[in-house]
Amino acid sequence: MTNILITGCSSGIGKESALYLQTKGYRVFTTARKEEDVEELKGLGFEAFYLDVTKPKTIKKTLKKILKLTDGTLDVVFNNAGFGQPGAIEDITTDVLKEQFETNVFGLHEVTNQVLPIMKKQGYGKIIQHSSVLGLISLKFRGAYNASKYAIEGLTDTLRLELEESI
């Protein structure tokens, strides 16, 4: 059975992807950063865990639990956690931009870096990075979000080149 970890399953694309994959027979490990969302996911039949991508210890703890349940393997990671900060560039403070990058870019990067040794050791695995068309083109009043998604595109394309023959 294929084991899939999805970050950011409290709503939207993460939750809907998990529900779809569940109907196809995949073993889906869902995560959320609010305990009430974790409980709701469990109520939907998922193996659900608290994971906040901005807190590396929660990533490590969750991966340890998942690996124990799967005899040390993880087939797919869908880095989905993220959010958008609307507003004109001139109105967005540096702190707001940092918050946007903390989740959308640095959190995604931390999950990726913690998962790569697992996948390299097992000799296979897929990492799916949730970006956006706004990582390829810009939309006004979405500067912080646009910038975070452009960053994901750059990191992911570079990672693809670096791992072409590794996993």
N, C-alpha and C. Protein backbone atom coordinates (compact mmCIF):
# COMPACT_ATOMS: atom_id res chain seq x y z
N MET A 1 0.84 -1.18 0.00
CA MET A 1 0.00 0.00 0.00
C MET A 1 0.89 1.25 0.00
N THR A 2 0.51 2.24 -0.77
CA THR A 2 1.25 3.49 -0.85
C THR A 2 0.91 4.38 0.34
N ASN A 3 1.95 4.87 1.02
CA ASN A 3 1.80 5.76 2.16
C ASN A 3 2.02 7.19 1.72
N ILE A 4 1.06 8.06 2.02
CA ILE A 4 1.13 9.46 1.60
C ILE A 4 0.94 10.37 2.81
N LEU A 5 1.86 11.31 2.98
CA LEU A 5 1.74 12.34 4.01
C LEU A 5 1.33 13.64 3.33
N ILE A 6 0.28 14.27 3.85
CA ILE A 6 -0.16 15.56 3.32
C ILE A 6 -0.14 16.57 4.46
N THR A 7 0.55 17.69 4.25
CA THR A 7 0.53 18.77 5.23
C THR A 7 -0.62 19.72 4.90
N GLY A 8 -1.13 20.37 5.94
CA GLY A 8 -2.18 21.38 5.74
C GLY A 8 -3.50 20.82 5.26
N CYS A 9 -4.09 19.92 6.04
CA CYS A 9 -5.33 19.25 5.64
C CYS A 9 -6.58 19.78 6.34
N SER A 10 -6.49 20.92 6.97
CA SER A 10 -7.65 21.42 7.71
C SER A 10 -8.77 21.89 6.80
N SER A 11 -8.44 22.21 5.55
CA SER A 11 -9.46 22.67 4.60
C SER A 11 -8.88 22.64 3.19
N GLY A 12 -9.69 23.05 2.25
CA GLY A 12 -9.23 23.29 0.88
C GLY A 12 -8.59 22.11 0.18
N ILE A 13 -7.53 22.42 -0.55
CA ILE A 13 -6.87 21.43 -1.40
C ILE A 13 -6.32 20.26 -0.60
N GLY A 14 -5.73 20.51 0.56
CA GLY A 14 -5.18 19.43 1.37
C GLY A 14 -6.24 18.44 1.81
N LYS A 15 -7.33 18.95 2.34
CA LYS A 15 -8.41 18.08 2.82
C LYS A 15 -9.06 17.35 1.66
N GLU A 16 -9.35 18.05 0.59
CA GLU A 16 -9.99 17.42 -0.57
C GLU A 16 -9.09 16.37 -1.22
N SER A 17 -7.79 16.65 -1.29
CA SER A 17 -6.85 15.67 -1.84
C SER A 17 -6.82 14.41 -0.97
N ALA A 18 -6.81 14.62 0.34
CA ALA A 18 -6.80 13.47 1.27
C ALA A 18 -8.06 12.64 1.10
N LEU A 19 -9.20 13.29 1.02
CA LEU A 19 -10.46 12.56 0.85
C LEU A 19 -10.47 11.78 -0.46
N TYR A 20 -10.00 12.39 -1.52
CA TYR A 20 -9.95 11.71 -2.82
C TYR A 20 -9.01 10.49 -2.78
N LEU A 21 -7.80 10.70 -2.26
CA LEU A 21 -6.83 9.61 -2.20
C LEU A 21 -7.31 8.47 -1.30
N GLN A 22 -8.03 8.83 -0.26
CA GLN A 22 -8.60 7.82 0.64
C GLN A 22 -9.58 6.91 -0.12
N THR A 23 -10.40 7.50 -1.01
CA THR A 23 -11.35 6.69 -1.78
C THR A 23 -10.66 5.79 -2.78
N LYS A 24 -9.43 6.12 -3.14
CA LYS A 24 -8.67 5.30 -4.10
C LYS A 24 -7.84 4.22 -3.40
N GLY A 25 -7.97 4.13 -2.07
CA GLY A 25 -7.30 3.06 -1.35
C GLY A 25 -5.91 3.37 -0.84
N TYR A 26 -5.47 4.60 -0.94
CA TYR A 26 -4.15 4.96 -0.42
C TYR A 26 -4.22 5.13 1.09
N ARG A 27 -3.11 4.89 1.74
CA ARG A 27 -3.00 5.16 3.17
C ARG A 27 -2.54 6.61 3.31
N VAL A 28 -3.44 7.46 3.75
CA VAL A 28 -3.17 8.90 3.80
C VAL A 28 -2.99 9.33 5.25
N PHE A 29 -1.85 9.94 5.51
CA PHE A 29 -1.57 10.54 6.81
C PHE A 29 -1.81 12.03 6.66
N THR A 30 -2.82 12.53 7.36
CA THR A 30 -3.17 13.94 7.27
C THR A 30 -2.59 14.70 8.45
N THR A 31 -2.36 15.99 8.24
CA THR A 31 -1.85 16.82 9.31
C THR A 31 -2.56 18.17 9.31
N ALA A 32 -2.56 18.77 10.48
CA ALA A 32 -3.11 20.11 10.64
C ALA A 32 -2.43 20.76 11.84
N ARG A 33 -2.50 22.08 11.92
CA ARG A 33 -1.83 22.78 13.03
C ARG A 33 -2.77 23.17 14.15
N LYS A 34 -4.04 22.81 14.02
CA LYS A 34 -5.00 23.05 15.10
C LYS A 34 -5.54 21.71 15.55
N GLU A 35 -5.54 21.49 16.85
CA GLU A 35 -5.99 20.21 17.40
C GLU A 35 -7.42 19.86 16.99
N GLU A 36 -8.30 20.86 16.94
CA GLU A 36 -9.69 20.57 16.54
C GLU A 36 -9.76 20.06 15.09
N ASP A 37 -8.86 20.55 14.24
CA ASP A 37 -8.80 20.06 12.86
C ASP A 37 -8.26 18.64 12.80
N VAL A 38 -7.29 18.34 13.65
CA VAL A 38 -6.75 16.97 13.73
C VAL A 38 -7.87 16.02 14.14
N GLU A 39 -8.66 16.41 15.12
CA GLU A 39 -9.76 15.56 15.59
C GLU A 39 -10.82 15.38 14.50
N GLU A 40 -11.11 16.43 13.77
CA GLU A 40 -12.07 16.31 12.66
C GLU A 40 -11.56 15.34 11.60
N LEU A 41 -10.27 15.41 11.28
CA LEU A 41 -9.68 14.50 10.30
C LEU A 41 -9.75 13.05 10.78
N LYS A 42 -9.50 12.85 12.06
CA LYS A 42 -9.62 11.50 12.62
C LYS A 42 -11.06 11.00 12.48
N GLY A 43 -12.03 11.89 12.69
CA GLY A 43 -13.43 11.54 12.54
C GLY A 43 -13.79 11.15 11.11
N LEU A 44 -12.99 11.61 10.15
CA LEU A 44 -13.20 11.25 8.75
C LEU A 44 -12.48 9.95 8.38
N GLY A 45 -11.86 9.33 9.37
CA GLY A 45 -11.20 8.04 9.14
C GLY A 45 -9.73 8.12 8.81
N PHE A 46 -9.13 9.27 8.99
CA PHE A 46 -7.71 9.42 8.69
C PHE A 46 -6.84 9.16 9.91
N GLU A 47 -5.62 8.75 9.64
CA GLU A 47 -4.58 8.76 10.66
C GLU A 47 -4.07 10.21 10.61
N ALA A 48 -4.46 10.99 11.60
CA ALA A 48 -4.20 12.43 11.56
C ALA A 48 -3.28 12.84 12.70
N PHE A 49 -2.46 13.85 12.43
CA PHE A 49 -1.44 14.28 13.38
C PHE A 49 -1.35 15.79 13.43
N TYR A 50 -0.96 16.28 14.59
CA TYR A 50 -0.62 17.70 14.73
C TYR A 50 0.73 17.93 14.08
N LEU A 51 0.80 18.87 13.18
CA LEU A 51 2.05 19.24 12.54
C LEU A 51 1.94 20.70 12.12
N ASP A 52 2.87 21.50 12.60
CA ASP A 52 2.97 22.90 12.21
C ASP A 52 4.29 23.04 11.46
N VAL A 53 4.22 23.33 10.17
CA VAL A 53 5.44 23.36 9.35
C VAL A 53 6.43 24.42 9.81
N THR A 54 5.97 25.38 10.62
CA THR A 54 6.89 26.41 11.12
C THR A 54 7.59 25.96 12.40
N LYS A 55 7.29 24.74 12.85
CA LYS A 55 7.90 24.20 14.07
C LYS A 55 8.57 22.87 13.75
N PRO A 56 9.87 22.88 13.46
CA PRO A 56 10.58 21.66 13.04
C PRO A 56 10.39 20.46 13.97
N LYS A 57 10.26 20.70 15.26
CA LYS A 57 10.09 19.57 16.20
C LYS A 57 8.78 18.83 15.93
N THR A 58 7.73 19.53 15.50
CA THR A 58 6.46 18.85 15.22
C THR A 58 6.57 18.01 13.95
N ILE A 59 7.38 18.46 13.03
CA ILE A 59 7.60 17.69 11.80
C ILE A 59 8.33 16.39 12.16
N LYS A 60 9.39 16.53 12.92
CA LYS A 60 10.19 15.37 13.31
C LYS A 60 9.35 14.36 14.10
N LYS A 61 8.56 14.86 15.05
CA LYS A 61 7.73 14.00 15.88
C LYS A 61 6.70 13.25 15.03
N THR A 62 6.07 13.95 14.11
CA THR A 62 5.06 13.33 13.26
C THR A 62 5.69 12.30 12.32
N LEU A 63 6.82 12.64 11.73
CA LEU A 63 7.49 11.68 10.85
C LEU A 63 7.88 10.42 11.62
N LYS A 64 8.34 10.58 12.84
CA LYS A 64 8.71 9.42 13.66
C LYS A 64 7.50 8.51 13.88
N LYS A 65 6.34 9.11 14.19
CA LYS A 65 5.12 8.33 14.41
C LYS A 65 4.69 7.61 13.13
N ILE A 66 4.75 8.31 12.01
CA ILE A 66 4.35 7.71 10.73
C ILE A 66 5.28 6.57 10.36
N LEU A 67 6.57 6.77 10.50
CA LEU A 67 7.53 5.73 10.15
C LEU A 67 7.35 4.49 11.03
N LYS A 68 6.95 4.68 12.26
CA LYS A 68 6.67 3.54 13.14
C LYS A 68 5.47 2.75 12.63
N LEU A 69 4.48 3.45 12.10
CA LEU A 69 3.27 2.81 11.58
C LEU A 69 3.49 2.13 10.22
N THR A 70 4.53 2.55 9.50
CA THR A 70 4.74 2.06 8.13
C THR A 70 6.00 1.21 7.99
N ASP A 71 6.55 0.76 9.09
CA ASP A 71 7.80 -0.01 9.07
C ASP A 71 8.93 0.77 8.41
N GLY A 72 8.94 2.09 8.64
CA GLY A 72 10.06 2.92 8.21
C GLY A 72 10.01 3.45 6.80
N THR A 73 8.86 3.37 6.14
CA THR A 73 8.80 3.86 4.76
C THR A 73 7.80 5.00 4.62
N LEU A 74 8.07 5.84 3.65
CA LEU A 74 7.17 6.92 3.29
C LEU A 74 7.29 7.11 1.78
N ASP A 75 6.20 6.87 1.07
CA ASP A 75 6.25 6.87 -0.39
C ASP A 75 6.11 8.26 -0.99
N VAL A 76 5.17 9.04 -0.46
CA VAL A 76 4.85 10.34 -1.06
C VAL A 76 4.64 11.37 0.04
N VAL A 77 5.14 12.58 -0.20
CA VAL A 77 4.84 13.73 0.65
C VAL A 77 4.26 14.82 -0.23
N PHE A 78 3.12 15.31 0.17
CA PHE A 78 2.48 16.44 -0.51
C PHE A 78 2.60 17.63 0.43
N ASN A 79 3.55 18.52 0.13
CA ASN A 79 3.76 19.74 0.90
C ASN A 79 2.68 20.74 0.49
N ASN A 80 1.58 20.71 1.19
CA ASN A 80 0.42 21.51 0.85
C ASN A 80 0.22 22.71 1.77
N ALA A 81 0.71 22.65 3.00
CA ALA A 81 0.45 23.71 3.98
C ALA A 81 0.83 25.07 3.42
N GLY A 82 -0.05 26.03 3.60
CA GLY A 82 0.24 27.39 3.14
C GLY A 82 -0.99 28.27 3.25
N PHE A 83 -0.79 29.55 3.05
CA PHE A 83 -1.89 30.51 3.09
C PHE A 83 -1.48 31.75 2.31
N GLY A 84 -2.42 32.65 2.11
CA GLY A 84 -2.16 33.86 1.35
C GLY A 84 -2.40 35.11 2.18
N GLN A 85 -1.54 36.10 2.00
CA GLN A 85 -1.67 37.40 2.64
C GLN A 85 -2.02 38.42 1.56
N PRO A 86 -3.26 38.87 1.48
CA PRO A 86 -3.61 39.87 0.47
C PRO A 86 -3.14 41.26 0.88
N GLY A 87 -2.99 42.11 -0.11
CA GLY A 87 -2.64 43.50 0.17
C GLY A 87 -1.65 44.04 -0.84
N ALA A 88 -1.69 45.34 -1.00
CA ALA A 88 -0.73 46.02 -1.87
C ALA A 88 0.67 45.92 -1.26
N ILE A 89 1.66 45.81 -2.09
CA ILE A 89 3.05 45.70 -1.63
C ILE A 89 3.39 46.83 -0.66
N GLU A 90 2.98 48.03 -0.99
CA GLU A 90 3.32 49.18 -0.14
C GLU A 90 2.65 49.12 1.23
N ASP A 91 1.62 48.30 1.36
CA ASP A 91 0.92 48.17 2.65
C ASP A 91 1.36 46.96 3.45
N ILE A 92 2.13 46.07 2.85
CA ILE A 92 2.57 44.86 3.53
C ILE A 92 3.84 45.16 4.31
N THR A 93 3.79 44.91 5.61
CA THR A 93 4.98 45.12 6.43
C THR A 93 5.96 43.97 6.21
N THR A 94 7.17 44.20 6.59
CA THR A 94 8.18 43.15 6.50
C THR A 94 7.79 41.96 7.38
N ASP A 95 7.18 42.23 8.51
CA ASP A 95 6.75 41.13 9.38
C ASP A 95 5.69 40.26 8.71
N VAL A 96 4.77 40.88 7.98
CA VAL A 96 3.74 40.13 7.26
C VAL A 96 4.40 39.27 6.18
N LEU A 97 5.36 39.84 5.47
CA LEU A 97 6.07 39.09 4.44
C LEU A 97 6.85 37.92 5.06
N LYS A 98 7.48 38.16 6.19
CA LYS A 98 8.20 37.08 6.87
C LYS A 98 7.25 35.96 7.29
N GLU A 99 6.08 36.33 7.79
CA GLU A 99 5.08 35.33 8.19
C GLU A 99 4.66 34.48 6.99
N GLN A 100 4.46 35.13 5.85
CA GLN A 100 4.07 34.43 4.63
C GLN A 100 5.15 33.43 4.23
N PHE A 101 6.40 33.86 4.26
CA PHE A 101 7.51 32.98 3.87
C PHE A 101 7.76 31.89 4.91
N GLU A 102 7.50 32.20 6.18
CA GLU A 102 7.74 31.22 7.24
C GLU A 102 6.94 29.93 6.99
N THR A 103 5.69 30.07 6.60
CA THR A 103 4.86 28.90 6.33
C THR A 103 5.07 28.39 4.91
N ASN A 104 4.83 29.25 3.93
CA ASN A 104 4.80 28.80 2.53
C ASN A 104 6.14 28.34 1.99
N VAL A 105 7.23 28.93 2.44
CA VAL A 105 8.54 28.59 1.88
C VAL A 105 9.41 27.84 2.90
N PHE A 106 9.67 28.46 4.03
CA PHE A 106 10.58 27.84 5.00
C PHE A 106 9.98 26.57 5.60
N GLY A 107 8.67 26.55 5.83
CA GLY A 107 8.02 25.34 6.33
C GLY A 107 8.09 24.20 5.33
N LEU A 108 7.77 24.51 4.08
CA LEU A 108 7.88 23.53 3.00
C LEU A 108 9.31 23.00 2.90
N HIS A 109 10.27 23.90 3.01
CA HIS A 109 11.68 23.52 2.92
C HIS A 109 12.07 22.60 4.08
N GLU A 110 11.59 22.91 5.28
CA GLU A 110 11.92 22.08 6.45
C GLU A 110 11.33 20.68 6.32
N VAL A 111 10.08 20.58 5.89
CA VAL A 111 9.48 19.26 5.68
C VAL A 111 10.29 18.49 4.64
N THR A 112 10.61 19.14 3.55
CA THR A 112 11.39 18.51 2.48
C THR A 112 12.73 18.00 3.02
N ASN A 113 13.44 18.84 3.76
CA ASN A 113 14.75 18.45 4.27
C ASN A 113 14.66 17.31 5.28
N GLN A 114 13.58 17.22 6.02
CA GLN A 114 13.44 16.11 6.97
C GLN A 114 13.01 14.82 6.28
N VAL A 115 12.35 14.92 5.14
CA VAL A 115 11.87 13.75 4.42
C VAL A 115 12.94 13.17 3.47
N LEU A 116 13.78 14.02 2.95
CA LEU A 116 14.79 13.55 1.98
C LEU A 116 15.66 12.41 2.49
N PRO A 117 16.19 12.45 3.71
CA PRO A 117 17.00 11.32 4.17
C PRO A 117 16.23 10.00 4.22
N ILE A 118 14.95 10.08 4.54
CA ILE A 118 14.10 8.88 4.58
C ILE A 118 14.00 8.29 3.18
N MET A 119 13.70 9.14 2.21
CA MET A 119 13.51 8.67 0.84
C MET A 119 14.83 8.21 0.21
N LYS A 120 15.90 8.90 0.53
CA LYS A 120 17.21 8.47 0.01
C LYS A 120 17.59 7.10 0.57
N LYS A 121 17.33 6.90 1.85
CA LYS A 121 17.66 5.62 2.49
C LYS A 121 16.86 4.48 1.87
N GLN A 122 15.57 4.71 1.62
CA GLN A 122 14.74 3.64 1.05
C GLN A 122 14.93 3.51 -0.46
N GLY A 123 15.54 4.53 -1.09
CA GLY A 123 15.84 4.46 -2.52
C GLY A 123 14.71 4.89 -3.43
N TYR A 124 13.67 5.49 -2.88
CA TYR A 124 12.55 5.95 -3.70
C TYR A 124 11.71 6.94 -2.89
N GLY A 125 10.83 7.60 -3.61
CA GLY A 125 9.89 8.52 -2.97
C GLY A 125 9.56 9.68 -3.89
N LYS A 126 8.44 10.30 -3.63
CA LYS A 126 8.01 11.46 -4.39
C LYS A 126 7.66 12.57 -3.43
N ILE A 127 8.09 13.78 -3.77
CA ILE A 127 7.75 14.97 -3.01
C ILE A 127 7.00 15.90 -3.95
N ILE A 128 5.79 16.23 -3.57
CA ILE A 128 4.96 17.13 -4.38
C ILE A 128 4.88 18.46 -3.64
N GLN A 129 5.33 19.51 -4.29
CA GLN A 129 5.32 20.83 -3.69
C GLN A 129 4.12 21.61 -4.23
N HIS A 130 3.28 22.09 -3.33
CA HIS A 130 2.11 22.85 -3.74
C HIS A 130 2.50 24.29 -3.98
N SER A 131 2.52 24.65 -5.23
CA SER A 131 2.80 26.03 -5.61
C SER A 131 1.51 26.63 -6.13
N SER A 132 1.60 27.39 -7.17
CA SER A 132 0.43 28.08 -7.72
C SER A 132 0.82 28.68 -9.06
N VAL A 133 -0.18 28.96 -9.87
CA VAL A 133 0.08 29.72 -11.08
C VAL A 133 0.70 31.07 -10.71
N LEU A 134 0.43 31.53 -9.47
CA LEU A 134 1.01 32.79 -9.01
C LEU A 134 2.48 32.66 -8.62
N GLY A 135 3.04 31.50 -8.84
CA GLY A 135 4.48 31.31 -8.76
C GLY A 135 5.13 31.44 -10.13
N LEU A 136 4.28 31.63 -11.14
CA LEU A 136 4.76 31.79 -12.51
C LEU A 136 4.40 33.16 -13.09
N ILE A 137 3.27 33.67 -12.67
CA ILE A 137 2.83 35.01 -13.07
C ILE A 137 2.37 35.74 -11.80
N SER A 138 2.34 37.04 -11.84
CA SER A 138 1.94 37.80 -10.66
C SER A 138 0.53 38.35 -10.80
N LEU A 139 -0.08 38.59 -9.68
CA LEU A 139 -1.39 39.19 -9.60
C LEU A 139 -1.29 40.35 -8.61
N LYS A 140 -1.81 41.50 -8.99
CA LYS A 140 -1.70 42.64 -8.09
C LYS A 140 -2.45 42.38 -6.80
N PHE A 141 -1.99 43.02 -5.74
CA PHE A 141 -2.52 42.89 -4.39
C PHE A 141 -2.32 41.50 -3.79
N ARG A 142 -1.42 40.73 -4.36
CA ARG A 142 -1.09 39.40 -3.85
C ARG A 142 0.43 39.23 -3.77
N GLY A 143 1.14 40.34 -3.57
CA GLY A 143 2.60 40.33 -3.62
C GLY A 143 3.29 39.36 -2.69
N ALA A 144 2.85 39.28 -1.44
CA ALA A 144 3.49 38.36 -0.49
C ALA A 144 3.28 36.91 -0.93
N TYR A 145 2.06 36.60 -1.32
CA TYR A 145 1.74 35.25 -1.79
C TYR A 145 2.50 34.94 -3.08
N ASN A 146 2.46 35.88 -4.04
CA ASN A 146 3.19 35.69 -5.30
C ASN A 146 4.65 35.38 -5.02
N ALA A 147 5.28 36.20 -4.19
CA ALA A 147 6.70 36.03 -3.91
C ALA A 147 6.99 34.67 -3.27
N SER A 148 6.12 34.23 -2.35
CA SER A 148 6.34 32.93 -1.71
C SER A 148 6.22 31.80 -2.73
N LYS A 149 5.30 31.91 -3.65
CA LYS A 149 5.12 30.86 -4.65
C LYS A 149 6.23 30.87 -5.69
N TYR A 150 6.74 32.05 -6.05
CA TYR A 150 7.91 32.12 -6.92
C TYR A 150 9.10 31.43 -6.24
N ALA A 151 9.25 31.65 -4.95
CA ALA A 151 10.34 31.03 -4.21
C ALA A 151 10.22 29.51 -4.23
N ILE A 152 9.00 29.00 -4.06
CA ILE A 152 8.78 27.56 -4.11
C ILE A 152 9.18 27.01 -5.47
N GLU A 153 8.81 27.71 -6.52
CA GLU A 153 9.18 27.27 -7.88
C GLU A 153 10.69 27.17 -8.02
N GLY A 154 11.42 28.17 -7.55
CA GLY A 154 12.87 28.17 -7.65
C GLY A 154 13.51 27.07 -6.83
N LEU A 155 13.07 26.90 -5.59
CA LEU A 155 13.60 25.83 -4.74
C LEU A 155 13.33 24.46 -5.34
N THR A 156 12.10 24.27 -5.80
CA THR A 156 11.71 22.96 -6.31
C THR A 156 12.42 22.60 -7.60
N ASP A 157 12.57 23.56 -8.49
CA ASP A 157 13.26 23.25 -9.74
C ASP A 157 14.74 22.93 -9.48
N THR A 158 15.34 23.65 -8.56
CA THR A 158 16.73 23.36 -8.20
C THR A 158 16.84 21.99 -7.55
N LEU A 159 15.92 21.67 -6.65
CA LEU A 159 15.93 20.36 -6.00
C LEU A 159 15.77 19.24 -7.02
N ARG A 160 14.90 19.45 -7.99
CA ARG A 160 14.72 18.46 -9.06
C ARG A 160 16.04 18.20 -9.77
N LEU A 161 16.78 19.22 -10.10
CA LEU A 161 18.06 19.07 -10.78
C LEU A 161 19.08 18.34 -9.89
N GLU A 162 19.05 18.68 -8.61
CA GLU A 162 20.02 18.06 -7.69
C GLU A 162 19.72 16.60 -7.39
N LEU A 163 18.46 16.21 -7.51
CA LEU A 163 18.07 14.85 -7.14
C LEU A 163 17.77 13.95 -8.33
N GLU A 164 17.99 14.44 -9.54
CA GLU A 164 17.60 13.68 -10.74
C GLU A 164 18.00 12.21 -10.69
N GLU A 165 19.14 11.91 -10.14
CA GLU A 165 19.60 10.53 -10.17
C GLU A 165 19.66 9.91 -8.76
N SER A 166 19.09 10.60 -7.76
CA SER A 166 19.19 10.10 -6.38
C SER A 166 17.99 9.29 -5.94
N ILE A 167 16.81 9.76 -6.28
CA ILE A 167 15.59 9.10 -5.81
C ILE A 167 14.77 8.66 -7.01
